[in-house]
Amino acid sequence: MKILLIGANGKLGTAVHEALAARGHEIVTVGRTGGDLQYDITVAAQVTELYDRAGQIDAVVSAAGDVPYKPVTEMTPEDYTSAFHGKVLSQIDLVRQGVARIAERGSFTLISGVLAHEPIPTSSAASMANGALEAFVRAAAIEIAPQRINAISPTVFTESLAEYGDFFPGVPPVPVADVAQTYVRSVEGGQTGQVYAL
């Protein structure tokens, strides 16, 4: 398959790239500042340009999304709007514009996260964004068939415990390679409307 990988330069994106390429897929990497194609998916016009440049593809996978972390009392309306644009609307637009651009039985795999169901202090924007994205995936799945759509919802990565482990006390981490294999499951499997939690 020819797969468009958004957020290819990060820790997760790198692992997803390796996992999918190892299975013989052709990967087109996309990032804001690096990759085969450089586009900002938070800008709708750039999503259009991205699809124009990429040509016919079989699957879109996203490992990208930015949200602010602050206590609720310090959050502003702009912070919540930023979280919505940075993680939700950007990925929704990949689907909205991508339905007409990917193969008839192609798929979308988006990234949410454990905070949709297991919030931590300062995570209100991330929890909001992840929950909204998961709701969108379930709704979109019933409309875009035979194309498929799923979300990956990981907890903290084992490789990121030094930086973020204190924010997730008692929460079992997951190796980023395991998360990458779940992307493989989503791309190559037959399920749709799923939120793969790990």
C-alpha atoms as a PDB file:
ATOM      1  CA  MET A   1       0.000   0.000   0.000  1.00  0.00           C
ATOM      2  CA  LYS A   2       0.954   3.610  -0.473  1.00  0.00           C
ATOM      3  CA  ILE A   3       0.531   5.251   2.934  1.00  0.00           C
ATOM      4  CA  LEU A   4       0.584   8.934   3.869  1.00  0.00           C
ATOM      5  CA  LEU A   5       2.178   9.270   7.324  1.00  0.00           C
ATOM      6  CA  ILE A   6       1.526  12.554   9.132  1.00  0.00           C
ATOM      7  CA  GLY A   7       3.831  13.483  12.007  1.00  0.00           C
ATOM      8  CA  ALA A   8       6.545  11.192  10.740  1.00  0.00           C
ATOM      9  CA  ASN A   9       9.443  12.889  12.527  1.00  0.00           C
ATOM     10  CA  GLY A  10       8.362  12.379  16.132  1.00  0.00           C
ATOM     11  CA  LYS A  11       8.993   9.425  18.428  1.00  0.00           C
ATOM     12  CA  LEU A  12       5.719   7.734  17.504  1.00  0.00           C
ATOM     13  CA  GLY A  13       5.872   8.678  13.834  1.00  0.00           C
ATOM     14  CA  THR A  14       9.349   7.210  13.489  1.00  0.00           C
ATOM     15  CA  ALA A  15       8.215   3.917  15.040  1.00  0.00           C
ATOM     16  CA  VAL A  16       5.092   3.777  12.855  1.00  0.00           C
ATOM     17  CA  HIS A  17       7.225   4.439   9.777  1.00  0.00           C
ATOM     18  CA  GLU A  18       9.568   1.584  10.662  1.00  0.00           C
ATOM     19  CA  ALA A  19       6.709  -0.841  11.405  1.00  0.00           C
ATOM     20  CA  LEU A  20       4.806  -0.134   8.193  1.00  0.00           C
ATOM     21  CA  ALA A  21       7.901  -0.023   5.965  1.00  0.00           C
ATOM     22  CA  ALA A  22       9.033  -3.374   7.385  1.00  0.00           C
ATOM     23  CA  ARG A  23       5.824  -4.859   6.025  1.00  0.00           C
ATOM     24  CA  GLY A  24       6.586  -3.637   2.519  1.00  0.00           C
ATOM     25  CA  HIS A  25       4.396  -0.552   2.390  1.00  0.00           C
ATOM     26  CA  GLU A  26       5.443   2.573   0.496  1.00  0.00           C
ATOM     27  CA  ILE A  27       5.499   5.400   3.032  1.00  0.00           C
ATOM     28  CA  VAL A  28       5.191   9.093   2.143  1.00  0.00           C
ATOM     29  CA  THR A  29       6.278  11.036   5.227  1.00  0.00           C
ATOM     30  CA  VAL A  30       4.753  14.405   6.105  1.00  0.00           C
ATOM     31  CA  GLY A  31       5.820  16.974   8.697  1.00  0.00           C
ATOM     32  CA  ARG A  32       5.768  20.693   9.268  1.00  0.00           C
ATOM     33  CA  THR A  33       9.531  21.003   8.901  1.00  0.00           C
ATOM     34  CA  GLY A  34      10.699  17.617   7.628  1.00  0.00           C
ATOM     35  CA  GLY A  35       9.704  14.548   5.667  1.00  0.00           C
ATOM     36  CA  ASP A  36       9.068  13.803   2.010  1.00  0.00           C
ATOM     37  CA  LEU A  37       6.389  16.511   1.996  1.00  0.00           C
ATOM     38  CA  GLN A  38       6.256  19.523   4.299  1.00  0.00           C
ATOM     39  CA  TYR A  39       2.790  20.778   5.210  1.00  0.00           C
ATOM     40  CA  ASP A  40       0.952  22.058   8.279  1.00  0.00           C
ATOM     41  CA  ILE A  41      -2.255  20.033   8.603  1.00  0.00           C
ATOM     42  CA  THR A  42      -3.812  22.657  10.895  1.00  0.00           C
ATOM     43  CA  VAL A  43      -4.279  24.783   7.752  1.00  0.00           C
ATOM     44  CA  ALA A  44      -7.065  23.452   5.521  1.00  0.00           C
ATOM     45  CA  ALA A  45      -5.523  24.849   2.336  1.00  0.00           C
ATOM     46  CA  GLN A  46      -2.280  23.012   3.103  1.00  0.00           C
ATOM     47  CA  VAL A  47      -4.183  19.745   3.564  1.00  0.00           C
ATOM     48  CA  THR A  48      -5.598  20.265   0.073  1.00  0.00           C
ATOM     49  CA  GLU A  49      -2.118  20.933  -1.318  1.00  0.00           C
ATOM     50  CA  LEU A  50      -0.795  17.863   0.503  1.00  0.00           C
ATOM     51  CA  TYR A  51      -3.342  15.576  -1.130  1.00  0.00           C
ATOM     52  CA  ASP A  52      -2.687  17.182  -4.521  1.00  0.00           C
ATOM     53  CA  ARG A  53       1.042  16.468  -4.167  1.00  0.00           C
ATOM     54  CA  ALA A  54       0.653  12.972  -2.742  1.00  0.00           C
ATOM     55  CA  GLY A  55      -1.535  11.650  -5.548  1.00  0.00           C
ATOM     56  CA  GLN A  56      -3.488   8.406  -5.178  1.00  0.00           C
ATOM     57  CA  ILE A  57      -2.931   6.727  -1.824  1.00  0.00           C
ATOM     58  CA  ASP A  58      -4.337   3.730   0.020  1.00  0.00           C
ATOM     59  CA  ALA A  59      -4.198   4.869   3.629  1.00  0.00           C
ATOM     60  CA  VAL A  60      -3.621   7.922   5.806  1.00  0.00           C
ATOM     61  CA  VAL A  61      -2.099   7.543   9.263  1.00  0.00           C
ATOM     62  CA  SER A  62      -1.632  10.385  11.717  1.00  0.00           C
ATOM     63  CA  ALA A  63       0.768  10.550  14.639  1.00  0.00           C
ATOM     64  CA  ALA A  64       0.443  14.317  15.086  1.00  0.00           C
ATOM     65  CA  GLY A  65      -1.448  16.629  17.399  1.00  0.00           C
ATOM     66  CA  ASP A  66      -0.621  19.566  19.678  1.00  0.00           C
ATOM     67  CA  VAL A  67      -2.483  20.598  22.834  1.00  0.00           C
ATOM     68  CA  PRO A  68      -1.635  22.948  25.730  1.00  0.00           C
ATOM     69  CA  TYR A  69      -1.374  21.704  29.333  1.00  0.00           C
ATOM     70  CA  LYS A  70      -2.410  24.096  32.111  1.00  0.00           C
ATOM     71  CA  PRO A  71      -4.703  24.065  35.141  1.00  0.00           C
ATOM     72  CA  VAL A  72      -8.324  24.752  34.206  1.00  0.00           C
ATOM     73  CA  THR A  73      -8.219  28.075  36.068  1.00  0.00           C
ATOM     74  CA  GLU A  74      -5.332  29.219  33.865  1.00  0.00           C
ATOM     75  CA  MET A  75      -6.767  28.041  30.561  1.00  0.00           C
ATOM     76  CA  THR A  76      -8.145  30.626  28.163  1.00  0.00           C
ATOM     77  CA  PRO A  77     -10.731  30.190  25.413  1.00  0.00           C
ATOM     78  CA  GLU A  78      -7.831  30.482  22.979  1.00  0.00           C
ATOM     79  CA  ASP A  79      -6.080  27.538  24.666  1.00  0.00           C
ATOM     80  CA  TYR A  80      -9.090  25.298  24.135  1.00  0.00           C
ATOM     81  CA  THR A  81      -9.472  26.531  20.574  1.00  0.00           C
ATOM     82  CA  SER A  82      -5.797  25.794  19.999  1.00  0.00           C
ATOM     83  CA  ALA A  83      -6.247  22.237  21.297  1.00  0.00           C
ATOM     84  CA  PHE A  84      -9.250  21.721  19.049  1.00  0.00           C
ATOM     85  CA  HIS A  85      -7.423  22.998  15.973  1.00  0.00           C
ATOM     86  CA  GLY A  86      -4.120  21.320  16.828  1.00  0.00           C
ATOM     87  CA  LYS A  87      -5.427  17.812  17.420  1.00  0.00           C
ATOM     88  CA  VAL A  88      -9.080  17.482  16.435  1.00  0.00           C
ATOM     89  CA  LEU A  89      -9.933  19.688  13.466  1.00  0.00           C
ATOM     90  CA  SER A  90      -6.583  19.021  11.782  1.00  0.00           C
ATOM     91  CA  GLN A  91      -7.183  15.254  11.806  1.00  0.00           C
ATOM     92  CA  ILE A  92     -10.866  15.625  10.919  1.00  0.00           C
ATOM     93  CA  ASP A  93      -9.782  17.618   7.880  1.00  0.00           C
ATOM     94  CA  LEU A  94      -7.452  14.808   6.824  1.00  0.00           C
ATOM     95  CA  VAL A  95     -10.550  12.604   6.681  1.00  0.00           C
ATOM     96  CA  ARG A  96     -12.979  15.183   5.288  1.00  0.00           C
ATOM     97  CA  GLN A  97     -10.709  16.010   2.377  1.00  0.00           C
ATOM     98  CA  GLY A  98      -9.206  12.540   2.137  1.00  0.00           C
ATOM     99  CA  VAL A  99     -12.367  10.518   1.504  1.00  0.00           C
ATOM    100  CA  ALA A 100     -12.287  11.544  -2.162  1.00  0.00           C
ATOM    101  CA  ARG A 101      -8.505  11.077  -2.379  1.00  0.00           C
ATOM    102  CA  ILE A 102      -7.835   7.594  -1.014  1.00  0.00           C
ATOM    103  CA  ALA A 103      -8.615   4.166  -2.432  1.00  0.00           C
ATOM    104  CA  GLU A 104     -12.210   2.923  -2.389  1.00  0.00           C
ATOM    105  CA  ARG A 105     -11.362   0.481   0.413  1.00  0.00           C
ATOM    106  CA  GLY A 106      -8.663   2.654   1.968  1.00  0.00           C
ATOM    107  CA  SER A 107      -8.374   3.669   5.601  1.00  0.00           C
ATOM    108  CA  PHE A 108      -7.630   6.458   8.043  1.00  0.00           C
ATOM    109  CA  THR A 109      -5.869   5.901  11.373  1.00  0.00           C
ATOM    110  CA  LEU A 110      -5.875   8.870  13.750  1.00  0.00           C
ATOM    111  CA  ILE A 111      -4.234   9.489  17.138  1.00  0.00           C
ATOM    112  CA  SER A 112      -6.165  10.245  20.342  1.00  0.00           C
ATOM    113  CA  GLY A 113      -4.832   9.196  23.755  1.00  0.00           C
ATOM    114  CA  VAL A 114      -5.516   7.817  27.199  1.00  0.00           C
ATOM    115  CA  LEU A 115      -6.458  11.238  28.583  1.00  0.00           C
ATOM    116  CA  ALA A 116      -9.876  10.941  26.939  1.00  0.00           C
ATOM    117  CA  HIS A 117     -10.735   8.366  29.615  1.00  0.00           C
ATOM    118  CA  GLU A 118      -8.051   8.751  32.290  1.00  0.00           C
ATOM    119  CA  PRO A 119      -7.428  12.491  32.763  1.00  0.00           C
ATOM    120  CA  ILE A 120      -4.579  13.920  34.784  1.00  0.00           C
ATOM    121  CA  PRO A 121      -4.170  17.406  36.300  1.00  0.00           C
ATOM    122  CA  THR A 122      -3.628  20.058  33.596  1.00  0.00           C
ATOM    123  CA  SER A 123      -5.057  17.774  30.882  1.00  0.00           C
ATOM    124  CA  SER A 124      -8.491  19.312  30.349  1.00  0.00           C
ATOM    125  CA  ALA A 125      -7.667  20.477  26.816  1.00  0.00           C
ATOM    126  CA  ALA A 126      -6.049  17.171  25.859  1.00  0.00           C
ATOM    127  CA  SER A 127      -8.917  15.183  27.384  1.00  0.00           C
ATOM    128  CA  MET A 128     -11.428  17.328  25.477  1.00  0.00           C
ATOM    129  CA  ALA A 129      -9.540  16.901  22.200  1.00  0.00           C
ATOM    130  CA  ASN A 130      -9.031  13.159  22.548  1.00  0.00           C
ATOM    131  CA  GLY A 131     -12.670  12.563  23.498  1.00  0.00           C
ATOM    132  CA  ALA A 132     -13.920  14.647  20.587  1.00  0.00           C
ATOM    133  CA  LEU A 133     -11.673  12.833  18.139  1.00  0.00           C
ATOM    134  CA  GLU A 134     -12.823   9.410  19.336  1.00  0.00           C
ATOM    135  CA  ALA A 135     -16.469  10.453  18.985  1.00  0.00           C
ATOM    136  CA  PHE A 136     -15.756  11.663  15.443  1.00  0.00           C
ATOM    137  CA  VAL A 137     -14.147   8.332  14.513  1.00  0.00           C
ATOM    138  CA  ARG A 138     -17.196   6.377  15.632  1.00  0.00           C
ATOM    139  CA  ALA A 139     -19.536   8.698  13.735  1.00  0.00           C
ATOM    140  CA  ALA A 140     -17.460   8.893  10.554  1.00  0.00           C
ATOM    141  CA  ALA A 141     -17.143   5.104  10.352  1.00  0.00           C
ATOM    142  CA  ILE A 142     -20.850   4.713   9.622  1.00  0.00           C
ATOM    143  CA  GLU A 143     -20.704   7.222   6.774  1.00  0.00           C
ATOM    144  CA  ILE A 144     -17.524   6.537   4.833  1.00  0.00           C
ATOM    145  CA  ALA A 145     -17.769   2.748   4.321  1.00  0.00           C
ATOM    146  CA  PRO A 146     -16.302   0.824   2.571  1.00  0.00           C
ATOM    147  CA  GLN A 147     -13.426   3.090   3.578  1.00  0.00           C
ATOM    148  CA  ARG A 148     -12.407   2.559   7.200  1.00  0.00           C
ATOM    149  CA  ILE A 149     -11.409   4.792  10.099  1.00  0.00           C
ATOM    150  CA  ASN A 150      -9.944   4.000  13.532  1.00  0.00           C
ATOM    151  CA  ALA A 151      -8.156   5.814  16.342  1.00  0.00           C
ATOM    152  CA  ILE A 152      -5.132   4.747  18.362  1.00  0.00           C
ATOM    153  CA  SER A 153      -5.370   5.700  22.053  1.00  0.00           C
ATOM    154  CA  PRO A 154      -2.073   4.998  23.831  1.00  0.00           C
ATOM    155  CA  THR A 155      -1.034   5.722  27.377  1.00  0.00           C
ATOM    156  CA  VAL A 156       2.393   7.177  28.205  1.00  0.00           C
ATOM    157  CA  PHE A 157       5.244   5.636  26.196  1.00  0.00           C
ATOM    158  CA  THR A 158       7.838   3.598  28.063  1.00  0.00           C
ATOM    159  CA  GLU A 159      10.478   5.616  26.206  1.00  0.00           C
ATOM    160  CA  SER A 160       8.999   8.870  27.560  1.00  0.00           C
ATOM    161  CA  LEU A 161       8.835   7.952  31.248  1.00  0.00           C
ATOM    162  CA  ALA A 162      11.838  10.114  32.135  1.00  0.00           C
ATOM    163  CA  GLU A 163      10.016  13.196  30.816  1.00  0.00           C
ATOM    164  CA  TYR A 164       6.362  12.427  31.536  1.00  0.00           C
ATOM    165  CA  GLY A 165       6.204   9.510  33.960  1.00  0.00           C
ATOM    166  CA  ASP A 166       5.580  11.729  36.995  1.00  0.00           C
ATOM    167  CA  PHE A 167       2.342  12.940  35.390  1.00  0.00           C
ATOM    168  CA  PHE A 168       1.029   9.360  35.133  1.00  0.00           C
ATOM    169  CA  PRO A 169       1.592   7.845  38.597  1.00  0.00           C
ATOM    170  CA  GLY A 170       0.737   4.158  38.708  1.00  0.00           C
ATOM    171  CA  VAL A 171      -0.259   4.055  35.033  1.00  0.00           C
ATOM    172  CA  PRO A 172       1.405   1.178  33.155  1.00  0.00           C
ATOM    173  CA  PRO A 173       3.418   2.559  30.221  1.00  0.00           C
ATOM    174  CA  VAL A 174       3.405   1.069  26.736  1.00  0.00           C
ATOM    175  CA  PRO A 175       6.444   0.606  24.468  1.00  0.00           C
ATOM    176  CA  VAL A 176       6.197   2.821  21.411  1.00  0.00           C
ATOM    177  CA  ALA A 177       6.866  -0.249  19.221  1.00  0.00           C
ATOM    178  CA  ASP A 178       3.622  -1.789  20.537  1.00  0.00           C
ATOM    179  CA  VAL A 179       1.732   1.365  19.604  1.00  0.00           C
ATOM    180  CA  ALA A 180       3.258   1.206  16.125  1.00  0.00           C
ATOM    181  CA  GLN A 181       2.043  -2.382  15.731  1.00  0.00           C
ATOM    182  CA  THR A 182      -1.469  -1.200  16.539  1.00  0.00           C
ATOM    183  CA  TYR A 183      -1.204   1.160  13.580  1.00  0.00           C
ATOM    184  CA  VAL A 184      -0.328  -1.881  11.468  1.00  0.00           C
ATOM    185  CA  ARG A 185      -3.438  -3.609  12.808  1.00  0.00           C
ATOM    186  CA  SER A 186      -5.599  -0.634  11.897  1.00  0.00           C
ATOM    187  CA  VAL A 187      -4.149  -0.235   8.396  1.00  0.00           C
ATOM    188  CA  GLU A 188      -4.067  -3.886   7.404  1.00  0.00           C
ATOM    189  CA  GLY A 189      -7.059  -5.179   9.364  1.00  0.00           C
ATOM    190  CA  GLY A 190     -10.746  -5.024   8.574  1.00  0.00           C
ATOM    191  CA  GLN A 191     -12.221  -3.179  11.560  1.00  0.00           C
ATOM    192  CA  THR A 192     -13.653   0.314  11.465  1.00  0.00           C
ATOM    193  CA  GLY A 193     -14.973   2.765  14.029  1.00  0.00           C
ATOM    194  CA  GLN A 194     -12.593   1.344  16.632  1.00  0.00           C
ATOM    195  CA  VAL A 195     -10.626   3.094  19.351  1.00  0.00           C
ATOM    196  CA  TYR A 196      -7.625   0.881  20.058  1.00  0.00           C
ATOM    197  CA  ALA A 197      -6.647   1.588  23.654  1.00  0.00           C
ATOM    198  CA  LEU A 198      -3.237   0.433  24.880  1.00  0.00           C
END
